[in-house]
Amino acid sequence: MTECIFCRIAARDLPGEIVHEDDAIVAFRDISPQAPTHIVLVPRKHIPSTNELVAEDDHIMGRLLRVAAELAKKEQIDQRGYRLVLNCGAEAGQSVDHIHLHLLGGRGLTWPPG
């Protein structure tokens, strides 16, 4: 998916402040942060949204959550609290058609979010 901005960041074809990468997941700082810590985690495999997940993607979703927890600890927001956001579809706020998880923290977060 050469048109996908997240695929291009993961492949390092576009710049991004990458804070984690492994064989399955790439994480980078959001270019328009909504909190002091705002990291976007994406699978290397292009999956447009949660609607397109299949059984063999279960390990990817588990890995996304585990890496998010590791990054929260690294960013020192694990004890105070953080939010994980996974949007699906335009009305939910998904602006890039590549499944991604937002890690937000470093300030109090209100509910409902929007």
N, C-alpha and C. Protein backbone atom coordinates (compact mmCIF):
# COMPACT_ATOMS: atom_id res chain seq x y z
N MET A 1 0.83 -1.19 0.00
CA MET A 1 0.00 0.00 0.00
C MET A 1 0.87 1.25 0.00
N THR A 2 1.39 1.59 -1.11
CA THR A 2 2.31 2.72 -1.19
C THR A 2 1.62 4.06 -0.98
N GLU A 3 0.28 4.12 -1.13
CA GLU A 3 -0.43 5.38 -0.91
C GLU A 3 -0.70 5.63 0.57
N CYS A 4 -0.64 4.61 1.39
CA CYS A 4 -0.98 4.72 2.80
C CYS A 4 0.14 5.44 3.56
N ILE A 5 -0.22 6.54 4.20
CA ILE A 5 0.77 7.33 4.93
C ILE A 5 1.41 6.53 6.07
N PHE A 6 0.62 5.70 6.75
CA PHE A 6 1.19 4.92 7.86
C PHE A 6 2.11 3.82 7.34
N CYS A 7 1.76 3.20 6.22
CA CYS A 7 2.67 2.22 5.62
C CYS A 7 3.98 2.88 5.21
N ARG A 8 3.87 4.09 4.70
CA ARG A 8 5.07 4.81 4.25
C ARG A 8 5.95 5.24 5.43
N ILE A 9 5.35 5.63 6.54
CA ILE A 9 6.12 5.96 7.74
C ILE A 9 6.80 4.70 8.27
N ALA A 10 6.04 3.60 8.32
CA ALA A 10 6.59 2.33 8.82
C ALA A 10 7.76 1.86 7.96
N ALA A 11 7.68 2.11 6.66
CA ALA A 11 8.75 1.71 5.74
C ALA A 11 9.88 2.74 5.71
N ARG A 12 9.70 3.84 6.45
CA ARG A 12 10.66 4.94 6.50
C ARG A 12 10.80 5.67 5.16
N ASP A 13 9.73 5.61 4.37
CA ASP A 13 9.67 6.39 3.14
C ASP A 13 9.24 7.83 3.43
N LEU A 14 8.59 8.04 4.57
CA LEU A 14 8.21 9.35 5.05
C LEU A 14 8.78 9.53 6.45
N PRO A 15 9.09 10.77 6.83
CA PRO A 15 9.65 10.97 8.18
C PRO A 15 8.60 10.77 9.26
N GLY A 16 9.06 10.35 10.40
CA GLY A 16 8.23 10.20 11.58
C GLY A 16 9.14 9.97 12.76
N GLU A 17 8.74 10.48 13.91
CA GLU A 17 9.54 10.28 15.12
C GLU A 17 9.19 8.91 15.69
N ILE A 18 9.88 7.90 15.19
CA ILE A 18 9.59 6.52 15.58
C ILE A 18 10.15 6.26 16.98
N VAL A 19 9.29 5.73 17.85
CA VAL A 19 9.69 5.44 19.23
C VAL A 19 9.76 3.94 19.50
N HIS A 20 9.24 3.15 18.56
CA HIS A 20 9.30 1.68 18.69
C HIS A 20 9.09 1.07 17.31
N GLU A 21 9.84 0.01 17.05
CA GLU A 21 9.55 -0.79 15.86
C GLU A 21 10.06 -2.20 16.09
N ASP A 22 9.28 -3.14 15.59
CA ASP A 22 9.66 -4.55 15.59
C ASP A 22 9.11 -5.16 14.32
N ASP A 23 9.11 -6.45 14.23
CA ASP A 23 8.68 -7.09 12.99
C ASP A 23 7.19 -6.92 12.71
N ALA A 24 6.38 -6.59 13.72
CA ALA A 24 4.93 -6.50 13.54
C ALA A 24 4.37 -5.09 13.72
N ILE A 25 5.02 -4.27 14.57
CA ILE A 25 4.45 -2.99 15.00
C ILE A 25 5.45 -1.85 14.84
N VAL A 26 4.94 -0.69 14.43
CA VAL A 26 5.73 0.55 14.42
C VAL A 26 4.94 1.58 15.21
N ALA A 27 5.63 2.33 16.07
CA ALA A 27 4.98 3.38 16.86
C ALA A 27 5.74 4.68 16.68
N PHE A 28 5.00 5.77 16.53
CA PHE A 28 5.62 7.08 16.31
C PHE A 28 4.77 8.16 16.97
N ARG A 29 5.41 9.28 17.24
CA ARG A 29 4.70 10.40 17.86
C ARG A 29 3.73 11.02 16.86
N ASP A 30 2.54 11.36 17.34
CA ASP A 30 1.52 11.98 16.50
C ASP A 30 1.99 13.38 16.10
N ILE A 31 1.77 13.76 14.84
CA ILE A 31 2.20 15.08 14.38
C ILE A 31 1.29 16.20 14.89
N SER A 32 0.13 15.85 15.40
CA SER A 32 -0.79 16.83 15.98
C SER A 32 -1.25 16.31 17.34
N PRO A 33 -0.35 16.30 18.33
CA PRO A 33 -0.65 15.65 19.61
C PRO A 33 -1.83 16.29 20.34
N GLN A 34 -2.65 15.42 20.92
CA GLN A 34 -3.81 15.83 21.70
C GLN A 34 -3.56 15.72 23.20
N ALA A 35 -2.35 15.33 23.57
CA ALA A 35 -1.94 15.21 24.97
C ALA A 35 -0.41 15.28 24.99
N PRO A 36 0.19 15.55 26.15
CA PRO A 36 1.65 15.59 26.21
C PRO A 36 2.32 14.33 25.65
N THR A 37 1.73 13.18 25.91
CA THR A 37 2.18 11.95 25.26
C THR A 37 1.08 11.54 24.30
N HIS A 38 1.41 11.48 23.01
CA HIS A 38 0.46 11.02 22.00
C HIS A 38 1.25 10.23 20.97
N ILE A 39 1.15 8.92 21.08
CA ILE A 39 1.88 8.01 20.20
C ILE A 39 0.87 7.20 19.40
N VAL A 40 1.15 7.02 18.13
CA VAL A 40 0.32 6.22 17.23
C VAL A 40 1.03 4.89 16.98
N LEU A 41 0.33 3.79 17.22
CA LEU A 41 0.88 2.45 16.99
C LEU A 41 0.15 1.83 15.82
N VAL A 42 0.92 1.32 14.86
CA VAL A 42 0.33 0.72 13.65
C VAL A 42 0.95 -0.64 13.40
N PRO A 43 0.15 -1.58 12.90
CA PRO A 43 0.76 -2.84 12.46
C PRO A 43 1.47 -2.61 11.13
N ARG A 44 2.53 -3.35 10.90
CA ARG A 44 3.20 -3.27 9.60
C ARG A 44 2.27 -3.79 8.50
N LYS A 45 1.45 -4.78 8.84
CA LYS A 45 0.49 -5.29 7.87
C LYS A 45 -0.59 -4.24 7.66
N HIS A 46 -0.89 -3.95 6.41
CA HIS A 46 -1.93 -2.97 6.12
C HIS A 46 -3.30 -3.61 6.34
N ILE A 47 -4.01 -3.09 7.35
CA ILE A 47 -5.38 -3.50 7.65
C ILE A 47 -6.18 -2.20 7.70
N PRO A 48 -7.13 -1.99 6.81
CA PRO A 48 -7.82 -0.70 6.75
C PRO A 48 -8.54 -0.28 8.04
N SER A 49 -9.22 -1.21 8.72
CA SER A 49 -9.92 -0.87 9.96
C SER A 49 -10.24 -2.15 10.72
N THR A 50 -10.84 -2.00 11.88
CA THR A 50 -11.22 -3.18 12.65
C THR A 50 -12.24 -4.02 11.91
N ASN A 51 -12.98 -3.41 11.00
CA ASN A 51 -13.96 -4.17 10.21
C ASN A 51 -13.31 -5.23 9.32
N GLU A 52 -12.05 -5.05 8.99
CA GLU A 52 -11.36 -5.98 8.10
C GLU A 52 -10.48 -6.98 8.85
N LEU A 53 -10.52 -6.98 10.17
CA LEU A 53 -9.73 -7.94 10.94
C LEU A 53 -10.21 -9.37 10.68
N VAL A 54 -9.26 -10.29 10.60
CA VAL A 54 -9.56 -11.71 10.46
C VAL A 54 -8.84 -12.45 11.58
N ALA A 55 -9.18 -13.71 11.76
CA ALA A 55 -8.65 -14.49 12.89
C ALA A 55 -7.12 -14.47 12.95
N GLU A 56 -6.46 -14.52 11.81
CA GLU A 56 -4.99 -14.54 11.86
C GLU A 56 -4.39 -13.19 12.27
N ASP A 57 -5.22 -12.16 12.44
CA ASP A 57 -4.75 -10.86 12.92
C ASP A 57 -4.81 -10.75 14.44
N ASP A 58 -5.35 -11.77 15.12
CA ASP A 58 -5.50 -11.69 16.57
C ASP A 58 -4.17 -11.38 17.26
N HIS A 59 -3.10 -11.99 16.81
CA HIS A 59 -1.79 -11.75 17.43
C HIS A 59 -1.34 -10.30 17.23
N ILE A 60 -1.70 -9.70 16.11
CA ILE A 60 -1.32 -8.30 15.85
C ILE A 60 -2.01 -7.38 16.85
N MET A 61 -3.30 -7.61 17.09
CA MET A 61 -4.03 -6.75 18.01
C MET A 61 -3.52 -6.91 19.43
N GLY A 62 -3.22 -8.14 19.82
CA GLY A 62 -2.62 -8.37 21.14
C GLY A 62 -1.28 -7.69 21.26
N ARG A 63 -0.48 -7.76 20.21
CA ARG A 63 0.84 -7.11 20.21
C ARG A 63 0.69 -5.59 20.31
N LEU A 64 -0.30 -5.01 19.60
CA LEU A 64 -0.52 -3.57 19.69
C LEU A 64 -0.75 -3.15 21.15
N LEU A 65 -1.59 -3.90 21.85
CA LEU A 65 -1.90 -3.56 23.24
C LEU A 65 -0.68 -3.71 24.15
N ARG A 66 0.07 -4.77 23.94
CA ARG A 66 1.25 -5.00 24.79
C ARG A 66 2.31 -3.93 24.55
N VAL A 67 2.54 -3.57 23.30
CA VAL A 67 3.52 -2.52 23.00
C VAL A 67 3.05 -1.19 23.57
N ALA A 68 1.75 -0.91 23.50
CA ALA A 68 1.21 0.33 24.07
C ALA A 68 1.51 0.39 25.57
N ALA A 69 1.32 -0.71 26.27
CA ALA A 69 1.61 -0.74 27.72
C ALA A 69 3.09 -0.53 27.98
N GLU A 70 3.95 -1.14 27.15
CA GLU A 70 5.39 -0.95 27.29
C GLU A 70 5.78 0.51 27.07
N LEU A 71 5.19 1.14 26.06
CA LEU A 71 5.48 2.55 25.79
C LEU A 71 4.96 3.46 26.89
N ALA A 72 3.79 3.14 27.46
CA ALA A 72 3.27 3.93 28.57
C ALA A 72 4.24 3.90 29.74
N LYS A 73 4.82 2.74 30.00
CA LYS A 73 5.81 2.64 31.07
C LYS A 73 7.07 3.44 30.72
N LYS A 74 7.54 3.30 29.50
CA LYS A 74 8.73 4.04 29.04
C LYS A 74 8.51 5.55 29.12
N GLU A 75 7.29 6.00 28.80
CA GLU A 75 6.95 7.42 28.84
C GLU A 75 6.59 7.90 30.25
N GLN A 76 6.59 6.98 31.20
CA GLN A 76 6.30 7.25 32.61
C GLN A 76 4.88 7.78 32.83
N ILE A 77 3.94 7.23 32.08
CA ILE A 77 2.53 7.59 32.29
C ILE A 77 1.72 6.38 32.76
N ASP A 78 2.40 5.25 32.94
CA ASP A 78 1.70 4.02 33.31
C ASP A 78 1.06 4.09 34.68
N GLN A 79 1.66 4.76 35.63
CA GLN A 79 1.11 4.81 36.98
C GLN A 79 0.01 5.85 37.14
N ARG A 80 0.12 6.97 36.42
CA ARG A 80 -0.89 8.03 36.50
C ARG A 80 -2.13 7.69 35.70
N GLY A 81 -1.95 6.97 34.62
CA GLY A 81 -3.07 6.60 33.76
C GLY A 81 -2.88 7.10 32.34
N TYR A 82 -3.48 6.36 31.41
CA TYR A 82 -3.39 6.71 30.01
C TYR A 82 -4.61 6.16 29.29
N ARG A 83 -4.83 6.64 28.10
CA ARG A 83 -5.97 6.19 27.32
C ARG A 83 -5.48 5.57 26.02
N LEU A 84 -6.15 4.49 25.62
CA LEU A 84 -5.91 3.85 24.33
C LEU A 84 -7.17 4.06 23.49
N VAL A 85 -6.99 4.57 22.28
CA VAL A 85 -8.13 4.87 21.40
C VAL A 85 -7.93 4.16 20.08
N LEU A 86 -8.95 3.45 19.64
CA LEU A 86 -8.96 2.76 18.36
C LEU A 86 -10.24 3.17 17.65
N ASN A 87 -10.14 4.04 16.66
CA ASN A 87 -11.30 4.53 15.94
C ASN A 87 -11.58 3.64 14.73
N CYS A 88 -12.85 3.51 14.39
CA CYS A 88 -13.24 2.72 13.21
C CYS A 88 -14.27 3.50 12.42
N GLY A 89 -13.86 4.01 11.26
CA GLY A 89 -14.76 4.74 10.38
C GLY A 89 -14.71 6.24 10.59
N ALA A 90 -15.15 6.96 9.58
CA ALA A 90 -15.06 8.42 9.56
C ALA A 90 -15.82 9.08 10.72
N GLU A 91 -17.02 8.61 11.03
CA GLU A 91 -17.80 9.24 12.11
C GLU A 91 -17.17 9.02 13.48
N ALA A 92 -16.32 8.01 13.60
CA ALA A 92 -15.62 7.76 14.87
C ALA A 92 -14.30 8.53 14.94
N GLY A 93 -13.90 9.16 13.83
CA GLY A 93 -12.68 9.94 13.82
C GLY A 93 -11.50 9.28 13.14
N GLN A 94 -11.72 8.14 12.48
CA GLN A 94 -10.61 7.49 11.77
C GLN A 94 -10.32 8.29 10.50
N SER A 95 -9.14 8.89 10.43
CA SER A 95 -8.79 9.73 9.29
C SER A 95 -7.81 9.06 8.33
N VAL A 96 -7.19 7.96 8.75
CA VAL A 96 -6.28 7.20 7.90
C VAL A 96 -6.80 5.77 7.84
N ASP A 97 -6.98 5.26 6.63
CA ASP A 97 -7.50 3.90 6.46
C ASP A 97 -6.41 2.86 6.65
N HIS A 98 -5.90 2.82 7.86
CA HIS A 98 -4.93 1.82 8.32
C HIS A 98 -5.16 1.72 9.82
N ILE A 99 -5.51 0.55 10.30
CA ILE A 99 -5.82 0.39 11.71
C ILE A 99 -4.68 0.96 12.56
N HIS A 100 -5.03 1.73 13.57
CA HIS A 100 -4.01 2.32 14.43
C HIS A 100 -4.59 2.58 15.82
N LEU A 101 -3.70 2.52 16.78
CA LEU A 101 -4.04 2.70 18.18
C LEU A 101 -3.35 3.95 18.69
N HIS A 102 -4.12 4.85 19.30
CA HIS A 102 -3.56 6.05 19.89
C HIS A 102 -3.27 5.79 21.37
N LEU A 103 -2.09 6.14 21.82
CA LEU A 103 -1.71 6.12 23.23
C LEU A 103 -1.63 7.57 23.68
N LEU A 104 -2.51 7.96 24.61
CA LEU A 104 -2.58 9.34 25.08
C LEU A 104 -2.40 9.38 26.59
N GLY A 105 -1.63 10.34 27.06
CA GLY A 105 -1.45 10.50 28.50
C GLY A 105 -0.62 11.73 28.82
N GLY A 106 -0.33 11.87 30.10
CA GLY A 106 0.47 13.00 30.54
C GLY A 106 -0.36 14.17 31.04
N ARG A 107 -1.68 14.02 31.02
CA ARG A 107 -2.60 15.02 31.56
C ARG A 107 -3.91 14.31 31.88
N GLY A 108 -4.76 14.97 32.64
CA GLY A 108 -6.07 14.41 32.91
C GLY A 108 -6.89 14.34 31.62
N LEU A 109 -7.56 13.25 31.41
CA LEU A 109 -8.38 13.06 30.21
C LEU A 109 -9.84 12.95 30.65
N THR A 110 -10.71 13.71 30.00
CA THR A 110 -12.12 13.73 30.40
C THR A 110 -12.91 12.68 29.65
N TRP A 111 -14.12 12.42 30.14
CA TRP A 111 -15.02 11.47 29.51
C TRP A 111 -16.40 12.08 29.49
N PRO A 112 -17.17 11.98 28.44
CA PRO A 112 -16.83 11.31 27.19
C PRO A 112 -15.83 12.13 26.38
N PRO A 113 -15.09 11.45 25.49
CA PRO A 113 -14.02 12.12 24.77
C PRO A 113 -14.48 13.08 23.67
N GLY A 114 -15.66 12.92 23.10
CA GLY A 114 -16.02 13.83 22.02
C GLY A 114 -17.45 13.72 21.60
